[in-house]
Amino acid sequence: MEKQIYRFNNDIENLEVSSVGAKIIIRQHENAEIIAEYENPKDTPEFCAVLNGSTLTFKEKMSFSFFGPKPSEGYTITVMVPAKTFTKLKVNTTSGGADISDVTAQSFELNTASGSISINAFFEQIKIQSASGSISLNNPTDMVAKSISVCTVSGNAEINRYKAEEYNIHSVSGNTTYNGAVGKGKIAVTSGNVNVNYDEWNGDLNISAISGNIGATLPAGAGIDVKFDGVSGMLKTDIGNTKGSFMNLGRGTSGQMGGENIHKVEISLTSGTVTLAQGDAAKADGINLEKGA
């Protein structure tokens, strides 16, 4: 199949790119138009563009059949966009993966079944849902996002330098790491591992888990007002103690510990372990605990 090239000079506010097998590449360029290039050595899947007012969609379509050809691999959908802030950017990929950089939008949404996803761009609101594969999300700016939501069934997700007013991490299994948290947080785990490293301690934290391991490293001066409920599980912490000297706390534990910058930490476990640790520069402070049955 010959390369297909699409050009749009319209005032596009919402952009969506969907693929069955192609790798999606989205970049910024100096032109004022949106240019998409699609080159697939096979005749399937079909590819088209749909313009609906200020919304532009590029998509592959596959007629699924037990006897039909499978999507080929190693081909791309490349979309070049102008230097502007879109209202919404949405990416859907089945297996081809995606590489997104140097673009910006008020809202970004990613839905992926598998493949490798690399995102190096700033968005005000982020929603990521992944069945498997690997996701890397990086903020190349110093701007603070409003919200980050990451939901993974399996696979790995890593978030770096992405300050946000609030974040939500939901992991069924696999591993999720968030470096550079600053805001209000919610972590829910079925199994697997979630680790969050805070640059600033500015908001409350809610943690729930059926099993698995959850870790949070807090910066200097951080204090916690903890409430630990649930069926079983363990809370390990050195907050309010000498760094590295961890205490094992059971359910029913409640009270304040650590520094003067205090925020609530609510924990509910069926089983599993939560670890709240001091960062490298953290200082030990007083401790005031009440432990119930």
C-alpha atoms as a PDB file:
ATOM      1  CA  MET A   1       0.000   0.000   0.000  1.00  0.00           C
ATOM      2  CA  GLU A   2       1.260   3.498  -0.848  1.00  0.00           C
ATOM      3  CA  LYS A   3       1.867   6.023   1.897  1.00  0.00           C
ATOM      4  CA  GLN A   4      -1.255   8.003   2.774  1.00  0.00           C
ATOM      5  CA  ILE A   5      -0.814  11.677   3.703  1.00  0.00           C
ATOM      6  CA  TYR A   6      -3.536  13.794   5.334  1.00  0.00           C
ATOM      7  CA  ARG A   7      -3.413  17.571   5.815  1.00  0.00           C
ATOM      8  CA  PHE A   8      -5.853  19.713   7.791  1.00  0.00           C
ATOM      9  CA  ASN A   9      -5.751  23.490   8.194  1.00  0.00           C
ATOM     10  CA  ASN A  10      -8.962  23.620  10.210  1.00  0.00           C
ATOM     11  CA  ASP A  11      -9.135  25.070  13.700  1.00  0.00           C
ATOM     12  CA  ILE A  12      -8.911  21.703  15.460  1.00  0.00           C
ATOM     13  CA  GLU A  13      -9.449  21.627  19.226  1.00  0.00           C
ATOM     14  CA  ASN A  14      -9.888  17.884  19.812  1.00  0.00           C
ATOM     15  CA  LEU A  15      -7.625  15.250  18.279  1.00  0.00           C
ATOM     16  CA  GLU A  16      -8.045  11.464  18.512  1.00  0.00           C
ATOM     17  CA  VAL A  17      -5.724   8.800  17.079  1.00  0.00           C
ATOM     18  CA  SER A  18      -6.643   5.095  17.135  1.00  0.00           C
ATOM     19  CA  SER A  19      -4.688   2.088  15.903  1.00  0.00           C
ATOM     20  CA  VAL A  20      -5.076  -1.684  15.691  1.00  0.00           C
ATOM     21  CA  GLY A  21      -1.466  -2.621  14.964  1.00  0.00           C
ATOM     22  CA  ALA A  22       0.370   0.573  14.026  1.00  0.00           C
ATOM     23  CA  LYS A  23       2.677   2.408  16.388  1.00  0.00           C
ATOM     24  CA  ILE A  24       1.327   5.917  17.002  1.00  0.00           C
ATOM     25  CA  ILE A  25       3.842   8.763  16.868  1.00  0.00           C
ATOM     26  CA  ILE A  26       2.711  12.298  17.755  1.00  0.00           C
ATOM     27  CA  ARG A  27       5.079  15.257  17.502  1.00  0.00           C
ATOM     28  CA  GLN A  28       4.962  19.042  17.321  1.00  0.00           C
ATOM     29  CA  HIS A  29       6.190  20.906  14.242  1.00  0.00           C
ATOM     30  CA  GLU A  30       6.462  24.526  13.104  1.00  0.00           C
ATOM     31  CA  ASN A  31       3.657  24.404  10.544  1.00  0.00           C
ATOM     32  CA  ALA A  32       0.130  25.609  11.303  1.00  0.00           C
ATOM     33  CA  GLU A  33      -1.522  22.495   9.879  1.00  0.00           C
ATOM     34  CA  ILE A  34      -1.985  18.973  11.164  1.00  0.00           C
ATOM     35  CA  ILE A  35      -0.245  16.370   8.990  1.00  0.00           C
ATOM     36  CA  ALA A  36      -0.734  12.618   9.339  1.00  0.00           C
ATOM     37  CA  GLU A  37       1.242   9.968   7.454  1.00  0.00           C
ATOM     38  CA  TYR A  38       0.189   6.327   7.270  1.00  0.00           C
ATOM     39  CA  GLU A  39       2.262   3.664   5.551  1.00  0.00           C
ATOM     40  CA  ASN A  40       1.278   0.023   5.898  1.00  0.00           C
ATOM     41  CA  PRO A  41       2.761  -2.726   3.693  1.00  0.00           C
ATOM     42  CA  LYS A  42      -0.569  -4.580   3.812  1.00  0.00           C
ATOM     43  CA  ASP A  43      -4.047  -3.603   2.651  1.00  0.00           C
ATOM     44  CA  THR A  44      -5.507  -4.082   6.111  1.00  0.00           C
ATOM     45  CA  PRO A  45      -6.421  -2.540   8.475  1.00  0.00           C
ATOM     46  CA  GLU A  46      -8.286   0.252   6.689  1.00  0.00           C
ATOM     47  CA  PHE A  47      -7.250   3.765   7.645  1.00  0.00           C
ATOM     48  CA  CYS A  48      -9.251   6.973   7.460  1.00  0.00           C
ATOM     49  CA  ALA A  49      -9.698  10.464   8.860  1.00  0.00           C
ATOM     50  CA  VAL A  50     -12.969  11.844  10.216  1.00  0.00           C
ATOM     51  CA  LEU A  51     -13.510  15.590  10.639  1.00  0.00           C
ATOM     52  CA  ASN A  52     -16.472  16.614  12.783  1.00  0.00           C
ATOM     53  CA  GLY A  53     -16.459  20.335  13.507  1.00  0.00           C
ATOM     54  CA  SER A  54     -13.430  21.059  15.670  1.00  0.00           C
ATOM     55  CA  THR A  55     -12.778  17.338  16.316  1.00  0.00           C
ATOM     56  CA  LEU A  56     -10.396  15.369  14.072  1.00  0.00           C
ATOM     57  CA  THR A  57     -10.015  11.587  14.303  1.00  0.00           C
ATOM     58  CA  PHE A  58      -7.429   9.352  12.602  1.00  0.00           C
ATOM     59  CA  LYS A  59      -8.212   5.666  12.923  1.00  0.00           C
ATOM     60  CA  GLU A  60      -7.549   2.156  11.748  1.00  0.00           C
ATOM     61  CA  LYS A  61     -10.495  -0.175  11.291  1.00  0.00           C
ATOM     62  CA  MET A  62     -10.181  -3.941  11.365  1.00  0.00           C
ATOM     63  CA  SER A  63     -12.800  -6.438  10.222  1.00  0.00           C
ATOM     64  CA  PHE A  64     -12.145  -9.241  12.668  1.00  0.00           C
ATOM     65  CA  SER A  65     -12.362 -12.736  11.234  1.00  0.00           C
ATOM     66  CA  PHE A  66     -10.891 -16.083  12.189  1.00  0.00           C
ATOM     67  CA  PHE A  67      -9.832 -16.493   8.557  1.00  0.00           C
ATOM     68  CA  GLY A  68      -8.782 -12.910   7.817  1.00  0.00           C
ATOM     69  CA  PRO A  69      -5.215 -11.586   7.865  1.00  0.00           C
ATOM     70  CA  LYS A  70      -3.745 -10.388  11.114  1.00  0.00           C
ATOM     71  CA  PRO A  71      -2.512  -6.777  11.392  1.00  0.00           C
ATOM     72  CA  SER A  72       1.086  -6.394  10.299  1.00  0.00           C
ATOM     73  CA  GLU A  73       3.712  -5.008  12.654  1.00  0.00           C
ATOM     74  CA  GLY A  74       6.472  -2.441  12.352  1.00  0.00           C
ATOM     75  CA  TYR A  75       4.474   0.305  10.663  1.00  0.00           C
ATOM     76  CA  THR A  76       3.359   3.686  11.992  1.00  0.00           C
ATOM     77  CA  ILE A  77       0.782   6.430  12.146  1.00  0.00           C
ATOM     78  CA  THR A  78       2.761   9.669  12.417  1.00  0.00           C
ATOM     79  CA  VAL A  79       0.841  12.820  13.335  1.00  0.00           C
ATOM     80  CA  MET A  80       2.530  16.233  13.316  1.00  0.00           C
ATOM     81  CA  VAL A  81       0.659  19.002  15.134  1.00  0.00           C
ATOM     82  CA  PRO A  82       1.153  22.781  15.452  1.00  0.00           C
ATOM     83  CA  ALA A  83       2.441  24.503  18.584  1.00  0.00           C
ATOM     84  CA  LYS A  84      -0.848  25.040  20.409  1.00  0.00           C
ATOM     85  CA  THR A  85      -2.729  23.759  23.438  1.00  0.00           C
ATOM     86  CA  PHE A  86      -5.451  21.387  22.316  1.00  0.00           C
ATOM     87  CA  THR A  87      -8.608  21.017  24.360  1.00  0.00           C
ATOM     88  CA  LYS A  88      -8.354  17.223  24.259  1.00  0.00           C
ATOM     89  CA  LEU A  89      -5.926  14.632  22.915  1.00  0.00           C
ATOM     90  CA  LYS A  90      -7.061  11.005  22.959  1.00  0.00           C
ATOM     91  CA  VAL A  91      -5.006   7.974  21.938  1.00  0.00           C
ATOM     92  CA  ASN A  92      -6.295   4.404  21.574  1.00  0.00           C
ATOM     93  CA  THR A  93      -3.986   1.526  20.697  1.00  0.00           C
ATOM     94  CA  THR A  94      -4.452  -2.234  20.620  1.00  0.00           C
ATOM     95  CA  SER A  95      -0.897  -3.515  20.260  1.00  0.00           C
ATOM     96  CA  GLY A  96       1.310  -1.118  18.326  1.00  0.00           C
ATOM     97  CA  GLY A  97       2.369   1.164  21.146  1.00  0.00           C
ATOM     98  CA  ALA A  98       2.795   4.933  21.095  1.00  0.00           C
ATOM     99  CA  ASP A  99       5.478   7.635  21.291  1.00  0.00           C
ATOM    100  CA  ILE A 100       4.122  11.085  22.203  1.00  0.00           C
ATOM    101  CA  SER A 101       6.284  14.135  22.876  1.00  0.00           C
ATOM    102  CA  ASP A 102       6.386  17.952  22.711  1.00  0.00           C
ATOM    103  CA  VAL A 103       2.616  18.372  22.490  1.00  0.00           C
ATOM    104  CA  THR A 104       0.207  19.840  25.015  1.00  0.00           C
ATOM    105  CA  ALA A 105      -3.502  19.694  25.780  1.00  0.00           C
ATOM    106  CA  GLN A 106      -5.875  20.540  28.579  1.00  0.00           C
ATOM    107  CA  SER A 107      -6.979  16.892  28.693  1.00  0.00           C
ATOM    108  CA  PHE A 108      -5.145  13.721  27.656  1.00  0.00           C
ATOM    109  CA  GLU A 109      -6.669  10.251  27.563  1.00  0.00           C
ATOM    110  CA  LEU A 110      -4.906   6.978  26.699  1.00  0.00           C
ATOM    111  CA  ASN A 111      -6.487   3.555  26.295  1.00  0.00           C
ATOM    112  CA  THR A 112      -4.112   0.705  25.481  1.00  0.00           C
ATOM    113  CA  ALA A 113      -4.399  -3.073  25.379  1.00  0.00           C
ATOM    114  CA  SER A 114      -0.674  -3.823  25.086  1.00  0.00           C
ATOM    115  CA  GLY A 115       2.568  -2.462  23.695  1.00  0.00           C
ATOM    116  CA  SER A 116       5.121   0.080  24.845  1.00  0.00           C
ATOM    117  CA  ILE A 117       3.879   3.620  25.549  1.00  0.00           C
ATOM    118  CA  SER A 118       6.244   6.592  25.938  1.00  0.00           C
ATOM    119  CA  ILE A 119       4.813  10.030  26.801  1.00  0.00           C
ATOM    120  CA  ASN A 120       7.041  13.080  27.247  1.00  0.00           C
ATOM    121  CA  ALA A 121       4.591  15.970  27.271  1.00  0.00           C
ATOM    122  CA  PHE A 122       2.586  18.201  29.616  1.00  0.00           C
ATOM    123  CA  PHE A 123      -1.167  17.874  30.011  1.00  0.00           C
ATOM    124  CA  GLU A 124      -3.383  19.506  32.629  1.00  0.00           C
ATOM    125  CA  GLN A 125      -5.560  16.430  33.164  1.00  0.00           C
ATOM    126  CA  ILE A 126      -4.391  12.880  32.443  1.00  0.00           C
ATOM    127  CA  LYS A 127      -6.345   9.635  32.321  1.00  0.00           C
ATOM    128  CA  ILE A 128      -4.532   6.407  31.400  1.00  0.00           C
ATOM    129  CA  GLN A 129      -6.052   2.929  31.210  1.00  0.00           C
ATOM    130  CA  SER A 130      -3.830  -0.030  30.309  1.00  0.00           C
ATOM    131  CA  ALA A 131      -4.512  -3.763  30.070  1.00  0.00           C
ATOM    132  CA  SER A 132      -0.847  -4.768  29.777  1.00  0.00           C
ATOM    133  CA  GLY A 133       2.468  -3.606  28.370  1.00  0.00           C
ATOM    134  CA  SER A 134       4.602  -0.760  29.703  1.00  0.00           C
ATOM    135  CA  ILE A 135       3.906   2.951  30.151  1.00  0.00           C
ATOM    136  CA  SER A 136       6.392   5.782  30.722  1.00  0.00           C
ATOM    137  CA  LEU A 137       4.943   9.223  31.546  1.00  0.00           C
ATOM    138  CA  ASN A 138       7.305  12.174  31.923  1.00  0.00           C
ATOM    139  CA  ASN A 139       6.725  15.922  32.358  1.00  0.00           C
ATOM    140  CA  PRO A 140       9.426  17.918  30.499  1.00  0.00           C
ATOM    141  CA  THR A 141       8.218  21.187  32.091  1.00  0.00           C
ATOM    142  CA  ASP A 142       7.956  22.610  35.622  1.00  0.00           C
ATOM    143  CA  MET A 143       4.184  23.136  35.307  1.00  0.00           C
ATOM    144  CA  VAL A 144       1.783  21.451  37.720  1.00  0.00           C
ATOM    145  CA  ALA A 145      -1.048  19.327  36.358  1.00  0.00           C
ATOM    146  CA  LYS A 146      -4.533  19.354  37.855  1.00  0.00           C
ATOM    147  CA  SER A 147      -4.947  15.584  38.005  1.00  0.00           C
ATOM    148  CA  ILE A 148      -3.371  12.260  37.038  1.00  0.00           C
ATOM    149  CA  SER A 149      -5.341   9.008  36.891  1.00  0.00           C
ATOM    150  CA  VAL A 150      -3.581   5.726  36.007  1.00  0.00           C
ATOM    151  CA  CYS A 151      -5.349   2.368  35.931  1.00  0.00           C
ATOM    152  CA  THR A 152      -3.395  -0.774  35.009  1.00  0.00           C
ATOM    153  CA  VAL A 153      -4.534  -4.379  34.817  1.00  0.00           C
ATOM    154  CA  SER A 154      -1.016  -5.784  34.414  1.00  0.00           C
ATOM    155  CA  GLY A 155       2.334  -4.625  33.125  1.00  0.00           C
ATOM    156  CA  ASN A 156       4.387  -1.684  34.365  1.00  0.00           C
ATOM    157  CA  ALA A 157       3.786   2.056  34.616  1.00  0.00           C
ATOM    158  CA  GLU A 158       6.333   4.721  35.576  1.00  0.00           C
ATOM    159  CA  ILE A 159       5.532   8.401  36.159  1.00  0.00           C
ATOM    160  CA  ASN A 160       8.391  10.885  36.475  1.00  0.00           C
ATOM    161  CA  ARG A 161       8.546  14.597  37.375  1.00  0.00           C
ATOM    162  CA  TYR A 162       4.780  14.954  36.996  1.00  0.00           C
ATOM    163  CA  LYS A 163       3.594  17.246  39.770  1.00  0.00           C
ATOM    164  CA  ALA A 164      -0.193  17.224  40.103  1.00  0.00           C
ATOM    165  CA  GLU A 165      -2.726  18.714  42.488  1.00  0.00           C
ATOM    166  CA  GLU A 166      -4.172  15.233  42.887  1.00  0.00           C
ATOM    167  CA  TYR A 167      -3.487  11.732  41.638  1.00  0.00           C
ATOM    168  CA  ASN A 168      -5.287   8.398  41.502  1.00  0.00           C
ATOM    169  CA  ILE A 169      -3.493   5.073  40.953  1.00  0.00           C
ATOM    170  CA  HIS A 170      -5.444   1.838  40.524  1.00  0.00           C
ATOM    171  CA  SER A 171      -3.476  -1.355  39.972  1.00  0.00           C
ATOM    172  CA  VAL A 172      -4.946  -4.818  39.480  1.00  0.00           C
ATOM    173  CA  SER A 173      -1.474  -6.360  39.176  1.00  0.00           C
ATOM    174  CA  GLY A 174       1.943  -5.396  37.902  1.00  0.00           C
ATOM    175  CA  ASN A 175       4.118  -2.531  39.078  1.00  0.00           C
ATOM    176  CA  THR A 176       3.457   1.213  39.192  1.00  0.00           C
ATOM    177  CA  THR A 177       6.027   3.828  40.270  1.00  0.00           C
ATOM    178  CA  TYR A 178       5.303   7.541  40.676  1.00  0.00           C
ATOM    179  CA  ASN A 179       8.281   9.847  41.245  1.00  0.00           C
ATOM    180  CA  GLY A 180       7.633  13.506  42.067  1.00  0.00           C
ATOM    181  CA  ALA A 181       4.208  13.461  43.710  1.00  0.00           C
ATOM    182  CA  VAL A 182       3.090  16.655  45.464  1.00  0.00           C
ATOM    183  CA  GLY A 183      -0.691  16.554  45.854  1.00  0.00           C
ATOM    184  CA  LYS A 184      -3.656  14.694  47.285  1.00  0.00           C
ATOM    185  CA  GLY A 185      -3.450  10.979  46.490  1.00  0.00           C
ATOM    186  CA  LYS A 186      -5.550   7.840  46.222  1.00  0.00           C
ATOM    187  CA  ILE A 187      -4.045   4.374  45.721  1.00  0.00           C
ATOM    188  CA  ALA A 188      -6.103   1.215  45.206  1.00  0.00           C
ATOM    189  CA  VAL A 189      -4.430  -2.159  44.660  1.00  0.00           C
ATOM    190  CA  THR A 190      -5.845  -5.607  43.977  1.00  0.00           C
ATOM    191  CA  SER A 191      -2.375  -7.146  43.859  1.00  0.00           C
ATOM    192  CA  GLY A 192       1.032  -6.095  42.614  1.00  0.00           C
ATOM    193  CA  ASN A 193       3.185  -3.185  43.744  1.00  0.00           C
ATOM    194  CA  VAL A 194       2.777   0.595  43.861  1.00  0.00           C
ATOM    195  CA  ASN A 195       5.557   2.965  44.949  1.00  0.00           C
ATOM    196  CA  VAL A 196       5.114   6.734  45.289  1.00  0.00           C
ATOM    197  CA  ASN A 197       7.998   9.117  46.022  1.00  0.00           C
ATOM    198  CA  TYR A 198       6.947  12.591  47.146  1.00  0.00           C
ATOM    199  CA  ASP A 199       8.760  15.818  46.300  1.00  0.00           C
ATOM    200  CA  GLU A 200       6.296  17.817  48.434  1.00  0.00           C
ATOM    201  CA  TRP A 201       3.788  16.707  51.067  1.00  0.00           C
ATOM    202  CA  ASN A 202       0.732  18.857  50.329  1.00  0.00           C
ATOM    203  CA  GLY A 203      -2.353  16.659  50.576  1.00  0.00           C
ATOM    204  CA  ASP A 204      -4.067  13.711  52.213  1.00  0.00           C
ATOM    205  CA  LEU A 205      -3.450  10.110  51.108  1.00  0.00           C
ATOM    206  CA  ASN A 206      -5.976   7.280  50.905  1.00  0.00           C
ATOM    207  CA  ILE A 207      -4.704   3.701  50.479  1.00  0.00           C
ATOM    208  CA  SER A 208      -6.723   0.520  49.986  1.00  0.00           C
ATOM    209  CA  ALA A 209      -5.524  -2.956  49.013  1.00  0.00           C
ATOM    210  CA  ILE A 210      -6.754  -6.524  48.780  1.00  0.00           C
ATOM    211  CA  SER A 211      -3.153  -7.739  48.630  1.00  0.00           C
ATOM    212  CA  GLY A 212       0.200  -6.582  47.312  1.00  0.00           C
ATOM    213  CA  ASN A 213       2.647  -3.942  48.491  1.00  0.00           C
ATOM    214  CA  ILE A 214       2.309  -0.162  48.591  1.00  0.00           C
ATOM    215  CA  GLY A 215       5.137   2.196  49.480  1.00  0.00           C
ATOM    216  CA  ALA A 216       5.279   5.969  49.931  1.00  0.00           C
ATOM    217  CA  THR A 217       8.426   7.977  50.647  1.00  0.00           C
ATOM    218  CA  LEU A 218       7.743  11.382  52.222  1.00  0.00           C
ATOM    219  CA  PRO A 219       9.981  14.501  52.210  1.00  0.00           C
ATOM    220  CA  ALA A 220      11.624  16.255  55.147  1.00  0.00           C
ATOM    221  CA  GLY A 221       9.224  17.723  57.702  1.00  0.00           C
ATOM    222  CA  ALA A 222       6.342  15.469  56.700  1.00  0.00           C
ATOM    223  CA  GLY A 223       3.951  14.344  59.385  1.00  0.00           C
ATOM    224  CA  ILE A 224       1.051  11.940  59.174  1.00  0.00           C
ATOM    225  CA  ASP A 225      -2.274  11.589  60.942  1.00  0.00           C
ATOM    226  CA  VAL A 226      -2.795   7.900  60.288  1.00  0.00           C
ATOM    227  CA  LYS A 227      -5.887   5.730  60.556  1.00  0.00           C
ATOM    228  CA  PHE A 228      -5.393   2.031  59.786  1.00  0.00           C
ATOM    229  CA  ASP A 229      -8.471  -0.184  59.392  1.00  0.00           C
ATOM    230  CA  GLY A 230      -9.329  -3.352  57.501  1.00  0.00           C
ATOM    231  CA  VAL A 231      -9.173  -7.113  57.878  1.00  0.00           C
ATOM    232  CA  SER A 232      -5.462  -7.784  58.131  1.00  0.00           C
ATOM    233  CA  GLY A 233      -2.148  -6.600  56.707  1.00  0.00           C
ATOM    234  CA  MET A 234       0.690  -4.517  58.094  1.00  0.00           C
ATOM    235  CA  LEU A 235       1.817  -0.885  58.200  1.00  0.00           C
ATOM    236  CA  LYS A 236       5.588  -0.375  58.351  1.00  0.00           C
ATOM    237  CA  THR A 237       6.930   3.123  59.009  1.00  0.00           C
ATOM    238  CA  ASP A 238       9.919   5.050  60.279  1.00  0.00           C
ATOM    239  CA  ILE A 239       8.037   8.375  60.286  1.00  0.00           C
ATOM    240  CA  GLY A 240       8.637   9.921  63.720  1.00  0.00           C
ATOM    241  CA  ASN A 241      11.462   7.465  64.382  1.00  0.00           C
ATOM    242  CA  THR A 242      15.122   7.271  63.416  1.00  0.00           C
ATOM    243  CA  LYS A 243      15.397   6.989  59.668  1.00  0.00           C
ATOM    244  CA  GLY A 244      15.528   3.330  58.686  1.00  0.00           C
ATOM    245  CA  SER A 245      14.190   2.119  62.047  1.00  0.00           C
ATOM    246  CA  PHE A 246      10.824   0.765  60.963  1.00  0.00           C
ATOM    247  CA  MET A 247       7.946  -0.040  63.266  1.00  0.00           C
ATOM    248  CA  ASN A 248       5.374  -2.724  62.420  1.00  0.00           C
ATOM    249  CA  LEU A 249       1.878  -1.403  63.156  1.00  0.00           C
ATOM    250  CA  GLY A 250      -1.350  -3.439  63.025  1.00  0.00           C
ATOM    251  CA  ARG A 251      -4.905  -2.500  62.147  1.00  0.00           C
ATOM    252  CA  GLY A 252      -6.610  -0.234  64.654  1.00  0.00           C
ATOM    253  CA  THR A 253      -3.591   2.046  64.772  1.00  0.00           C
ATOM    254  CA  SER A 254      -4.455   5.766  64.729  1.00  0.00           C
ATOM    255  CA  GLY A 255      -2.672   8.967  65.668  1.00  0.00           C
ATOM    256  CA  GLN A 256      -0.105  11.529  64.590  1.00  0.00           C
ATOM    257  CA  MET A 257       3.604  11.085  64.031  1.00  0.00           C
ATOM    258  CA  GLY A 258       6.440  12.885  62.301  1.00  0.00           C
ATOM    259  CA  GLY A 259       6.933  16.561  61.555  1.00  0.00           C
ATOM    260  CA  GLU A 260       4.625  19.587  61.712  1.00  0.00           C
ATOM    261  CA  ASN A 261       3.481  19.377  58.070  1.00  0.00           C
ATOM    262  CA  ILE A 262       0.691  16.907  58.817  1.00  0.00           C
ATOM    263  CA  HIS A 263      -1.803  15.366  56.407  1.00  0.00           C
ATOM    264  CA  LYS A 264      -4.217  12.485  56.854  1.00  0.00           C
ATOM    265  CA  VAL A 265      -3.284   8.970  55.741  1.00  0.00           C
ATOM    266  CA  GLU A 266      -6.194   6.530  55.703  1.00  0.00           C
ATOM    267  CA  ILE A 267      -5.364   2.853  55.136  1.00  0.00           C
ATOM    268  CA  SER A 268      -7.723  -0.065  54.579  1.00  0.00           C
ATOM    269  CA  LEU A 269      -6.226  -3.508  53.904  1.00  0.00           C
ATOM    270  CA  THR A 270      -7.587  -6.981  53.368  1.00  0.00           C
ATOM    271  CA  SER A 271      -3.979  -8.150  53.368  1.00  0.00           C
ATOM    272  CA  GLY A 272      -0.642  -6.895  52.120  1.00  0.00           C
ATOM    273  CA  THR A 273       1.852  -4.331  53.372  1.00  0.00           C
ATOM    274  CA  VAL A 274       1.982  -0.535  53.337  1.00  0.00           C
ATOM    275  CA  THR A 275       5.342   1.156  53.943  1.00  0.00           C
ATOM    276  CA  LEU A 276       5.574   4.877  54.787  1.00  0.00           C
ATOM    277  CA  ALA A 277       9.204   5.967  54.819  1.00  0.00           C
ATOM    278  CA  GLN A 278      11.300   9.077  55.357  1.00  0.00           C
ATOM    279  CA  GLY A 279      13.152  10.456  52.368  1.00  0.00           C
ATOM    280  CA  ASP A 280      16.902  10.980  52.412  1.00  0.00           C
ATOM    281  CA  ALA A 281      16.631  14.483  53.886  1.00  0.00           C
ATOM    282  CA  ALA A 282      13.829  13.727  56.355  1.00  0.00           C
ATOM    283  CA  LYS A 283      14.323  14.378  60.061  1.00  0.00           C
ATOM    284  CA  ALA A 284      12.905  12.342  62.921  1.00  0.00           C
ATOM    285  CA  ASP A 285      10.307  14.043  65.095  1.00  0.00           C
ATOM    286  CA  GLY A 286       7.872  13.207  67.866  1.00  0.00           C
ATOM    287  CA  ILE A 287       5.351  10.368  67.812  1.00  0.00           C
ATOM    288  CA  ASN A 288       1.848  10.120  69.278  1.00  0.00           C
ATOM    289  CA  LEU A 289       0.095   6.826  68.615  1.00  0.00           C
ATOM    290  CA  GLU A 290      -3.045   5.172  69.807  1.00  0.00           C
ATOM    291  CA  LYS A 291      -3.251   1.479  68.958  1.00  0.00           C
ATOM    292  CA  GLY A 292      -6.515  -0.408  69.214  1.00  0.00           C
ATOM    293  CA  ALA A 293      -7.246  -4.070  68.956  1.00  0.00           C
END
